[in-house]
Each structure stands twice: as structure tokens, then as C-alpha cells.
Amino acid sequence: MRAQLLVAVLVATWLAGPSATMAHEKFKIVGTVAAVKGAELAVKSVDGSTYEMDFPASAPVMRNIKKVGRGELKPGTPVVVLALGHDMFDLEVTEVQIQER
């Protein structure tokens, strides 16, 4: 009985392991800033869709190769946003790259 319980726990751990540790998918969104509201960034992509993403304080904002402040992100600013998430409706920004016009 004890051996069966141990095997069951090991199998359950093995099955849950990959799903519990699965990496998020990487996303790259090219467009312009629609809005910055606290810990949220909205970007209107080149295909016309607007994506609202979590924007943690740890996510750097870059211009060329230099880190700049979040104040640089104003509506209409062209950006490339690197994000992680399960799908396009559940994204967290990992980096914002400001593009030159």
C-alpha cells in the first residue's frame, strides 16, 4: 500500500512538473503607445489591434542601447514591446524599445 502511494505521488509530480514549469511564450509587438496607466501599457499594433499589458517596474525602457525613464513613453511614441504570456490577452512587458521615427 505504501509503495503504491509513493508511486502515485511520483507519477503525479512528474505529470504536474512540466505544466507547472512551462515557460511563457515570447511576443513582440510593434506599434505606437496608446496609453500608459500606472502598471499597465497599451500599445496599438501595426495591424490595428490594441494590446493592454502588465508593465512591471522591473521592465526597462530603452532608446537605442541606453535605458531611459518611463516618462519617454507618450501616446504616439513608436515602440517595439517584448513580452511574455500565455496568449495575446495575458501579457507582461519584459522590455520596451523606443524606435526612431
C-alpha atoms as a PDB file:
ATOM      1  CA  MET A   1       0.000   0.000   0.000  1.00  0.00           C
ATOM      2  CA  ARG A   2       2.771   2.400   0.939  1.00  0.00           C
ATOM      3  CA  ALA A   3       4.674   1.622  -2.303  1.00  0.00           C
ATOM      4  CA  GLN A   4       1.528   2.290  -4.359  1.00  0.00           C
ATOM      5  CA  LEU A   5       1.066   5.664  -2.660  1.00  0.00           C
ATOM      6  CA  LEU A   6       4.698   6.573  -3.319  1.00  0.00           C
ATOM      7  CA  VAL A   7       4.365   5.620  -6.991  1.00  0.00           C
ATOM      8  CA  ALA A   8       1.149   7.632  -7.286  1.00  0.00           C
ATOM      9  CA  VAL A   9       2.801  10.709  -5.763  1.00  0.00           C
ATOM     10  CA  LEU A  10       5.837  10.359  -8.034  1.00  0.00           C
ATOM     11  CA  VAL A  11       3.670   9.999 -11.144  1.00  0.00           C
ATOM     12  CA  ALA A  12       1.522  12.986 -10.145  1.00  0.00           C
ATOM     13  CA  THR A  13       4.641  15.081  -9.520  1.00  0.00           C
ATOM     14  CA  TRP A  14       6.106  14.018 -12.854  1.00  0.00           C
ATOM     15  CA  LEU A  15       2.902  14.859 -14.715  1.00  0.00           C
ATOM     16  CA  ALA A  16       2.432  18.212 -12.964  1.00  0.00           C
ATOM     17  CA  GLY A  17       6.095  19.175 -13.290  1.00  0.00           C
ATOM     18  CA  PRO A  18       6.183  20.139 -16.965  1.00  0.00           C
ATOM     19  CA  SER A  19       2.874  22.000 -16.879  1.00  0.00           C
ATOM     20  CA  ALA A  20       3.766  23.823 -13.674  1.00  0.00           C
ATOM     21  CA  THR A  21       7.115  24.950 -15.037  1.00  0.00           C
ATOM     22  CA  MET A  22       6.202  25.582 -18.677  1.00  0.00           C
ATOM     23  CA  ALA A  23       7.731  28.769 -19.982  1.00  0.00           C
ATOM     24  CA  HIS A  24       5.549  31.528 -21.258  1.00  0.00           C
ATOM     25  CA  GLU A  25       5.538  32.268 -24.950  1.00  0.00           C
ATOM     26  CA  LYS A  26       7.536  35.227 -26.194  1.00  0.00           C
ATOM     27  CA  PHE A  27       5.708  38.033 -28.000  1.00  0.00           C
ATOM     28  CA  LYS A  28       6.980  41.017 -29.967  1.00  0.00           C
ATOM     29  CA  ILE A  29       4.503  43.832 -30.562  1.00  0.00           C
ATOM     30  CA  VAL A  30       5.364  46.607 -32.994  1.00  0.00           C
ATOM     31  CA  GLY A  31       3.251  49.759 -32.889  1.00  0.00           C
ATOM     32  CA  THR A  32       2.698  53.003 -31.021  1.00  0.00           C
ATOM     33  CA  VAL A  33       1.955  53.753 -27.398  1.00  0.00           C
ATOM     34  CA  ALA A  34      -1.789  54.193 -26.884  1.00  0.00           C
ATOM     35  CA  ALA A  35      -1.613  54.850 -23.111  1.00  0.00           C
ATOM     36  CA  VAL A  36       0.491  54.326 -20.011  1.00  0.00           C
ATOM     37  CA  LYS A  37      -1.611  53.967 -16.857  1.00  0.00           C
ATOM     38  CA  GLY A  38       0.368  53.048 -13.764  1.00  0.00           C
ATOM     39  CA  ALA A  39       1.449  49.432 -14.135  1.00  0.00           C
ATOM     40  CA  GLU A  40      -0.268  48.965 -17.492  1.00  0.00           C
ATOM     41  CA  LEU A  41       0.890  49.741 -21.028  1.00  0.00           C
ATOM     42  CA  ALA A  42      -1.455  49.868 -24.022  1.00  0.00           C
ATOM     43  CA  VAL A  43       0.066  49.607 -27.495  1.00  0.00           C
ATOM     44  CA  LYS A  44      -1.740  49.948 -30.812  1.00  0.00           C
ATOM     45  CA  SER A  45      -0.024  47.486 -33.123  1.00  0.00           C
ATOM     46  CA  VAL A  46       0.601  47.913 -36.822  1.00  0.00           C
ATOM     47  CA  ASP A  47      -2.317  45.557 -37.540  1.00  0.00           C
ATOM     48  CA  GLY A  48      -4.697  47.973 -35.756  1.00  0.00           C
ATOM     49  CA  SER A  49      -5.253  45.912 -32.591  1.00  0.00           C
ATOM     50  CA  THR A  50      -4.660  47.480 -29.192  1.00  0.00           C
ATOM     51  CA  TYR A  51      -2.943  45.317 -26.599  1.00  0.00           C
ATOM     52  CA  GLU A  52      -3.053  46.115 -22.888  1.00  0.00           C
ATOM     53  CA  MET A  53      -0.171  44.563 -20.978  1.00  0.00           C
ATOM     54  CA  ASP A  54       1.062  44.462 -17.408  1.00  0.00           C
ATOM     55  CA  PHE A  55       4.045  46.833 -17.172  1.00  0.00           C
ATOM     56  CA  PRO A  56       6.121  45.975 -14.079  1.00  0.00           C
ATOM     57  CA  ALA A  57       8.623  48.464 -12.683  1.00  0.00           C
ATOM     58  CA  SER A  58      11.411  45.996 -13.499  1.00  0.00           C
ATOM     59  CA  ALA A  59      10.780  46.261 -17.271  1.00  0.00           C
ATOM     60  CA  PRO A  60      13.365  48.603 -18.809  1.00  0.00           C
ATOM     61  CA  VAL A  61      12.546  51.275 -21.376  1.00  0.00           C
ATOM     62  CA  MET A  62      15.343  51.545 -23.940  1.00  0.00           C
ATOM     63  CA  ARG A  63      16.219  54.092 -26.618  1.00  0.00           C
ATOM     64  CA  ASN A  64      18.951  52.710 -28.870  1.00  0.00           C
ATOM     65  CA  ILE A  65      21.051  50.909 -26.259  1.00  0.00           C
ATOM     66  CA  LYS A  66      20.507  53.316 -23.378  1.00  0.00           C
ATOM     67  CA  LYS A  67      17.999  52.932 -20.583  1.00  0.00           C
ATOM     68  CA  VAL A  68      15.593  55.884 -20.334  1.00  0.00           C
ATOM     69  CA  GLY A  69      12.751  56.773 -17.991  1.00  0.00           C
ATOM     70  CA  ARG A  70       9.124  55.760 -18.424  1.00  0.00           C
ATOM     71  CA  GLY A  71       8.283  59.419 -18.989  1.00  0.00           C
ATOM     72  CA  GLU A  72       9.589  58.961 -22.542  1.00  0.00           C
ATOM     73  CA  LEU A  73       6.518  56.816 -23.307  1.00  0.00           C
ATOM     74  CA  LYS A  74       3.809  59.149 -24.525  1.00  0.00           C
ATOM     75  CA  PRO A  75       0.837  58.366 -26.763  1.00  0.00           C
ATOM     76  CA  GLY A  76       2.010  58.080 -30.342  1.00  0.00           C
ATOM     77  CA  THR A  77       5.594  57.055 -29.493  1.00  0.00           C
ATOM     78  CA  PRO A  78       6.705  54.256 -31.861  1.00  0.00           C
ATOM     79  CA  VAL A  79       7.794  51.196 -29.878  1.00  0.00           C
ATOM     80  CA  VAL A  80       8.690  47.545 -30.044  1.00  0.00           C
ATOM     81  CA  VAL A  81       7.485  45.720 -26.941  1.00  0.00           C
ATOM     82  CA  LEU A  82       8.940  42.409 -25.850  1.00  0.00           C
ATOM     83  CA  ALA A  83       6.540  40.496 -23.632  1.00  0.00           C
ATOM     84  CA  LEU A  84       5.851  37.088 -22.130  1.00  0.00           C
ATOM     85  CA  GLY A  85       2.480  35.455 -21.696  1.00  0.00           C
ATOM     86  CA  HIS A  86       0.188  32.552 -22.392  1.00  0.00           C
ATOM     87  CA  ASP A  87      -1.588  34.384 -25.213  1.00  0.00           C
ATOM     88  CA  MET A  88      -2.123  37.905 -26.592  1.00  0.00           C
ATOM     89  CA  PHE A  89      -4.645  38.662 -23.836  1.00  0.00           C
ATOM     90  CA  ASP A  90      -2.352  37.831 -20.910  1.00  0.00           C
ATOM     91  CA  LEU A  91       0.946  39.638 -21.462  1.00  0.00           C
ATOM     92  CA  GLU A  92       3.630  41.067 -19.206  1.00  0.00           C
ATOM     93  CA  VAL A  93       6.159  43.508 -20.643  1.00  0.00           C
ATOM     94  CA  THR A  94       9.811  42.484 -20.322  1.00  0.00           C
ATOM     95  CA  GLU A  95      11.291  45.391 -22.318  1.00  0.00           C
ATOM     96  CA  VAL A  96      10.144  48.426 -24.302  1.00  0.00           C
ATOM     97  CA  GLN A  97      12.325  49.660 -27.152  1.00  0.00           C
ATOM     98  CA  ILE A  98      11.591  53.190 -28.381  1.00  0.00           C
ATOM     99  CA  GLN A  99      12.032  53.447 -32.152  1.00  0.00           C
ATOM    100  CA  GLU A 100      13.197  56.472 -34.080  1.00  0.00           C
ATOM    101  CA  ARG A 101      10.629  57.977 -36.418  1.00  0.00           C
END
